[in-house]
Protein backbone atom coordinates (compact mmCIF):
# COMPACT_ATOMS: atom_id res chain seq x y z
CA MET A 1 36.57 51.80 -121.19
CA LEU A 2 32.79 52.33 -121.36
CA GLU A 3 33.13 53.86 -124.81
CA PHE A 4 35.30 50.94 -125.96
CA ILE A 5 32.71 48.42 -124.72
CA ALA A 6 29.88 50.35 -126.37
CA LEU A 7 31.75 50.44 -129.69
CA LEU A 8 32.57 46.75 -129.32
CA LEU A 9 28.85 46.00 -129.09
CA VAL A 10 28.21 48.28 -132.05
CA GLY A 11 30.72 46.22 -134.01
CA VAL A 12 28.96 42.98 -133.07
CA ALA A 13 25.63 44.39 -134.25
CA ALA A 14 27.10 45.81 -137.47
CA GLY A 15 28.93 42.60 -138.34
CA ALA A 16 25.83 40.50 -137.70
CA LEU A 17 23.64 42.83 -139.77
CA ASN A 18 26.04 42.67 -142.71
CA ALA A 19 26.02 38.87 -142.53
CA VAL A 20 22.27 38.46 -142.23
CA GLY A 21 20.75 41.19 -144.34
CA GLY A 22 22.99 44.22 -144.78
CA GLY A 23 23.03 47.64 -143.16
CA GLY A 24 26.03 47.34 -140.84
CA THR A 25 27.42 50.68 -141.98
CA PHE A 26 24.32 52.44 -140.66
CA VAL A 27 25.12 51.16 -137.18
CA ALA A 28 28.88 51.67 -137.26
CA LEU A 29 29.02 55.08 -138.96
CA PRO A 30 26.83 57.05 -136.50
CA ALA A 31 28.60 55.41 -133.56
CA LEU A 32 32.02 56.46 -134.87
CA VAL A 33 30.78 60.00 -135.49
CA ALA A 34 29.44 60.07 -131.91
CA ALA A 35 32.89 58.93 -130.73
CA GLY A 36 34.36 62.12 -132.18
CA LEU A 37 35.50 61.15 -135.68
CA PRO A 38 34.85 63.58 -138.56
CA ALA A 39 32.15 62.35 -140.94
CA VAL A 40 34.42 61.41 -143.85
CA THR A 41 36.95 59.79 -141.52
CA ALA A 42 34.15 57.89 -139.78
CA ASN A 43 32.95 56.65 -143.16
CA ALA A 44 36.42 55.40 -144.07
CA SER A 45 36.95 53.99 -140.59
CA SER A 46 33.70 52.03 -140.67
CA THR A 47 34.82 50.35 -143.90
CA VAL A 48 38.17 49.42 -142.35
CA ALA A 49 36.52 48.20 -139.13
CA LEU A 50 33.86 46.10 -140.88
CA LEU A 51 36.24 44.39 -143.32
CA PRO A 52 37.37 41.58 -140.95
CA GLY A 53 33.75 40.88 -140.04
CA ALA A 54 32.82 40.65 -143.72
CA LEU A 55 35.74 38.29 -144.31
CA ALA A 56 34.62 36.14 -141.36
CA SER A 57 31.10 35.96 -142.80
CA ALA A 58 32.43 35.15 -146.27
CA TRP A 59 34.49 32.30 -144.80
CA ALA A 60 31.43 30.92 -143.03
CA TYR A 61 29.51 31.04 -146.32
CA ARG A 62 32.35 29.71 -148.48
CA ASN A 63 30.52 26.50 -149.43
CA GLU A 64 27.22 28.21 -150.26
CA LEU A 65 28.25 30.72 -152.93
CA VAL A 66 26.12 30.76 -156.08
CA GLN A 67 26.83 32.08 -159.54
CA VAL A 68 25.20 35.37 -160.49
CA GLY A 69 23.59 34.62 -163.83
CA THR A 70 26.20 33.53 -166.35
CA THR A 71 28.90 35.69 -164.77
CA SER A 72 31.80 33.80 -163.22
CA ARG A 73 32.63 34.49 -159.59
CA THR A 74 36.16 35.50 -160.60
CA ALA A 75 34.91 38.15 -163.03
CA LEU A 76 32.35 39.42 -160.52
CA THR A 77 34.92 39.69 -157.72
CA THR A 78 37.49 41.39 -159.96
CA THR A 79 34.87 43.94 -160.98
CA SER A 80 34.01 44.56 -157.34
CA LEU A 81 37.66 45.16 -156.46
CA VAL A 82 38.24 47.60 -159.32
CA GLY A 83 34.97 49.48 -158.83
CA SER A 84 35.58 49.84 -155.12
CA ALA A 85 39.02 51.33 -155.76
CA LEU A 86 37.44 54.02 -157.92
CA GLY A 87 34.80 54.83 -155.32
CA ALA A 88 37.28 54.97 -152.46
CA GLY A 89 39.52 57.26 -154.50
CA LEU A 90 36.59 59.60 -155.13
CA LEU A 91 35.83 59.75 -151.40
CA LEU A 92 39.38 60.87 -150.73
CA VAL A 93 39.41 63.65 -153.34
CA LEU A 94 35.80 64.88 -153.64
CA PRO A 95 33.38 66.52 -151.20
CA SER A 96 30.75 64.08 -149.99
CA GLU A 97 27.85 66.45 -149.20
CA SER A 98 26.04 66.09 -152.52
CA PHE A 99 26.33 62.33 -152.40
CA ARG A 100 24.97 62.18 -148.85
CA VAL A 101 21.89 64.02 -150.09
CA ALA A 102 21.33 61.30 -152.71
CA VAL A 103 21.84 58.36 -150.35
CA PRO A 104 18.30 58.25 -148.87
CA TRP A 105 16.81 58.19 -152.36
CA LEU A 106 19.14 55.39 -153.42
CA LEU A 107 18.12 53.42 -150.36
CA ALA A 108 14.44 54.07 -151.05
CA PHE A 109 14.89 52.79 -154.59
CA ALA A 110 16.66 49.66 -153.34
CA THR A 111 13.92 49.01 -150.78
CA VAL A 112 11.16 49.32 -153.36
CA VAL A 113 13.05 47.03 -155.72
CA LEU A 114 13.54 44.44 -152.97
CA ALA A 115 9.88 44.61 -151.97
CA PHE A 116 8.35 44.47 -155.44
CA GLY A 117 11.21 43.55 -157.75
CA ARG A 118 10.46 39.85 -158.07
CA THR A 119 6.77 40.50 -158.76
CA ALA A 120 7.62 43.22 -161.27
CA SER A 121 10.15 40.94 -162.92
CA ARG A 122 7.54 38.19 -163.34
CA LEU A 123 4.96 40.63 -164.72
CA LEU A 124 7.48 42.13 -167.14
CA SER A 125 8.61 38.67 -168.24
CA THR A 126 5.00 37.73 -168.93
CA ALA A 127 4.44 40.95 -170.89
CA ILE A 128 7.51 40.53 -173.11
CA GLY A 129 7.10 36.78 -173.44
CA HIS A 130 10.42 35.65 -171.92
CA PRO A 131 12.27 35.96 -168.56
CA ILE A 132 14.52 38.94 -167.82
CA ASP A 133 18.07 37.67 -168.00
CA LEU A 134 20.81 40.28 -168.10
CA SER A 135 23.89 39.50 -170.13
CA THR A 136 27.27 39.01 -168.48
CA ARG A 137 28.37 42.43 -169.70
CA SER A 138 25.30 44.10 -168.17
CA VAL A 139 25.84 42.32 -164.87
CA LEU A 140 29.48 43.42 -164.73
CA ILE A 141 28.63 47.02 -165.61
CA GLY A 142 26.00 47.11 -162.88
CA GLN A 143 28.38 45.48 -160.41
CA PHE A 144 31.09 48.02 -161.21
CA VAL A 145 28.71 50.92 -160.51
CA LEU A 146 27.56 49.35 -157.24
CA ALA A 147 31.14 48.60 -156.18
CA ALA A 148 32.10 52.23 -156.85
CA TYR A 149 29.18 53.29 -154.69
CA GLY A 150 30.32 50.85 -152.01
CA GLY A 151 33.88 52.15 -152.06
CA TYR A 152 32.66 55.73 -151.81
CA PHE A 153 29.99 55.34 -149.14
CA GLY A 154 29.44 51.68 -148.29
CA GLY A 155 25.97 52.03 -146.80
CA ALA A 156 23.48 49.44 -148.11
CA VAL A 157 25.66 48.36 -151.03
CA GLY A 158 24.75 44.77 -150.17
CA ILE A 159 21.05 45.62 -150.25
CA LEU A 160 21.51 47.29 -153.63
CA MET A 161 23.37 44.25 -154.96
CA LEU A 162 20.56 41.92 -153.92
CA ALA A 163 18.02 44.24 -155.53
CA PHE A 164 19.99 44.35 -158.78
CA TRP A 165 20.43 40.58 -158.95
CA SER A 166 16.81 39.98 -158.00
CA VAL A 167 15.33 42.13 -160.76
CA GLY A 168 17.92 41.59 -163.46
CA LEU A 169 18.38 37.86 -163.02
CA GLY A 170 15.54 36.64 -160.83
CA LEU A 171 18.02 35.53 -158.16
CA ASP A 172 16.31 34.84 -154.85
CA PRO A 173 17.71 37.17 -152.13
CA ALA A 174 18.05 34.29 -149.67
CA LYS A 175 20.05 32.18 -152.11
CA GLY A 176 22.11 35.17 -153.18
CA ASN A 177 22.96 36.27 -149.63
CA PRO A 178 26.23 34.27 -149.34
CA THR A 179 27.45 35.72 -152.65
CA ARG A 180 26.40 39.19 -151.50
CA VAL A 181 28.56 38.79 -148.38
CA ALA A 182 31.54 37.62 -150.45
CA GLN A 183 31.26 40.58 -152.83
CA LEU A 184 30.82 42.95 -149.89
CA ALA A 185 34.10 41.64 -148.47
CA ALA A 186 35.81 42.29 -151.83
CA ILE A 187 34.46 45.84 -151.95
CA TYR A 188 35.54 46.53 -148.38
CA ALA A 189 39.00 45.04 -149.00
CA THR A 190 40.04 47.45 -151.76
CA ALA A 191 38.49 50.50 -150.12
CA ALA A 192 40.02 49.68 -146.72
CA ALA A 193 43.47 49.27 -148.25
CA LEU A 194 43.28 52.76 -149.78
CA PHE A 195 41.84 54.31 -146.63
CA LEU A 196 44.60 52.83 -144.46
CA VAL A 197 47.21 54.39 -146.71
CA ALA A 198 45.66 57.71 -147.73
CA SER A 199 43.18 58.75 -145.01
CA ASP A 200 43.56 59.63 -141.34
CA VAL A 201 42.00 56.41 -140.03
CA TRP A 202 45.18 55.72 -138.03
CA SER A 203 44.52 58.90 -136.04
CA TYR A 204 41.65 57.17 -134.21
CA PRO A 205 42.89 53.64 -133.41
CA GLY A 206 40.79 53.04 -130.30
CA PRO A 207 37.29 53.40 -131.79
CA VAL A 208 38.26 51.62 -135.02
CA ILE A 209 39.79 48.64 -133.20
CA ALA A 210 36.76 48.33 -130.89
CA VAL A 211 34.30 48.17 -133.80
CA LEU A 212 36.65 45.88 -135.74
CA ILE A 213 36.92 43.29 -132.94
CA GLY A 214 33.17 43.27 -132.40
CA ALA A 215 32.44 42.98 -136.11
CA ILE A 216 34.54 39.82 -136.43
CA GLY A 217 32.44 38.00 -133.85
CA GLY A 218 29.19 39.47 -135.13
CA GLY A 219 30.02 38.65 -138.74
CA PHE A 220 30.81 35.01 -138.05
CA ALA A 221 27.86 34.49 -135.70
CA GLY A 222 25.49 36.32 -138.04
CA ALA A 223 26.45 34.08 -140.94
CA ARG A 224 25.82 30.96 -138.86
CA ILE A 225 22.40 32.28 -137.83
CA ALA A 226 21.47 33.25 -141.40
CA ARG A 227 22.32 29.74 -142.67
CA ARG A 228 19.65 28.31 -140.36
CA LEU A 229 16.91 30.78 -141.25
CA PRO A 230 14.16 29.82 -143.72
CA ALA A 231 14.31 31.67 -147.04
CA ARG A 232 11.12 33.61 -146.23
CA ALA A 233 12.51 34.74 -142.87
CA LEU A 234 15.80 35.84 -144.42
CA ARG A 235 13.98 37.83 -147.11
CA GLY A 236 11.92 39.45 -144.35
CA ILE A 237 15.02 40.46 -142.41
CA VAL A 238 16.63 41.92 -145.53
CA LEU A 239 13.51 43.93 -146.37
CA THR A 240 13.00 45.07 -142.77
CA THR A 241 16.61 46.21 -142.57
CA ALA A 242 16.32 48.10 -145.86
CA THR A 243 13.06 49.80 -144.82
CA THR A 244 14.38 50.76 -141.39
CA MET A 245 17.65 52.17 -142.69
CA THR A 246 15.88 54.13 -145.41
CA ALA A 247 13.48 55.69 -142.92
CA LEU A 248 16.28 56.55 -140.51
CA TYR A 249 18.34 58.16 -143.25
CA PHE A 250 15.41 60.30 -144.40
CA LEU A 251 14.90 61.40 -140.81
CA ARG A 252 18.59 62.29 -140.50
CA SER A 253 18.43 64.27 -143.73
């Protein structure tokens, strides 16, 4: 019972983090490993457990979604679904050790981009004489790669999406946060469907259900809190989350 309550609270924290700034996987994954799940199973289980929370957040944000450049939301979501399926399939058939080694460096890159991306984008736009504005094709290619990453690992995919949109399109992270949550839900949906069918997530129902229930409440509450935060505060939370998770992952490595 104590373990169930602890994992329930972990789910609340993970769901709220995903809604506000990203990084829920970095709370849920270590907790599931500590509960006795093998690393790959814990990774798959965290995706399954955090899906309802992401859907709850996406529902709370449903009236605040923005378009990413000139790319339609339908095309962006379809790309997220397909890319996530590829990434989840790779997790099921390939060893994950080499990818885990690369994760801290990917997070570090995303953190640097979030911290300095908007300034760098303005400076580069001034140097070339016009704003950076990725084409629809470039946005979809980048989204496909990020969705594949999200299906394979899941950690900080929302942070990476915000970084990509911020540099490539000049999209403000605070304004893009609702769309990030919606795309995160799409990525989780495809990956979770595959994991439920092809992995051994069902072998550990107790821990998964505990995190899942907590994440629903945390995801909905986190979205409501984020809607009331000033843009500067939300950007600060996103950057703080990215920096903290990057540092923790380097320490773990």
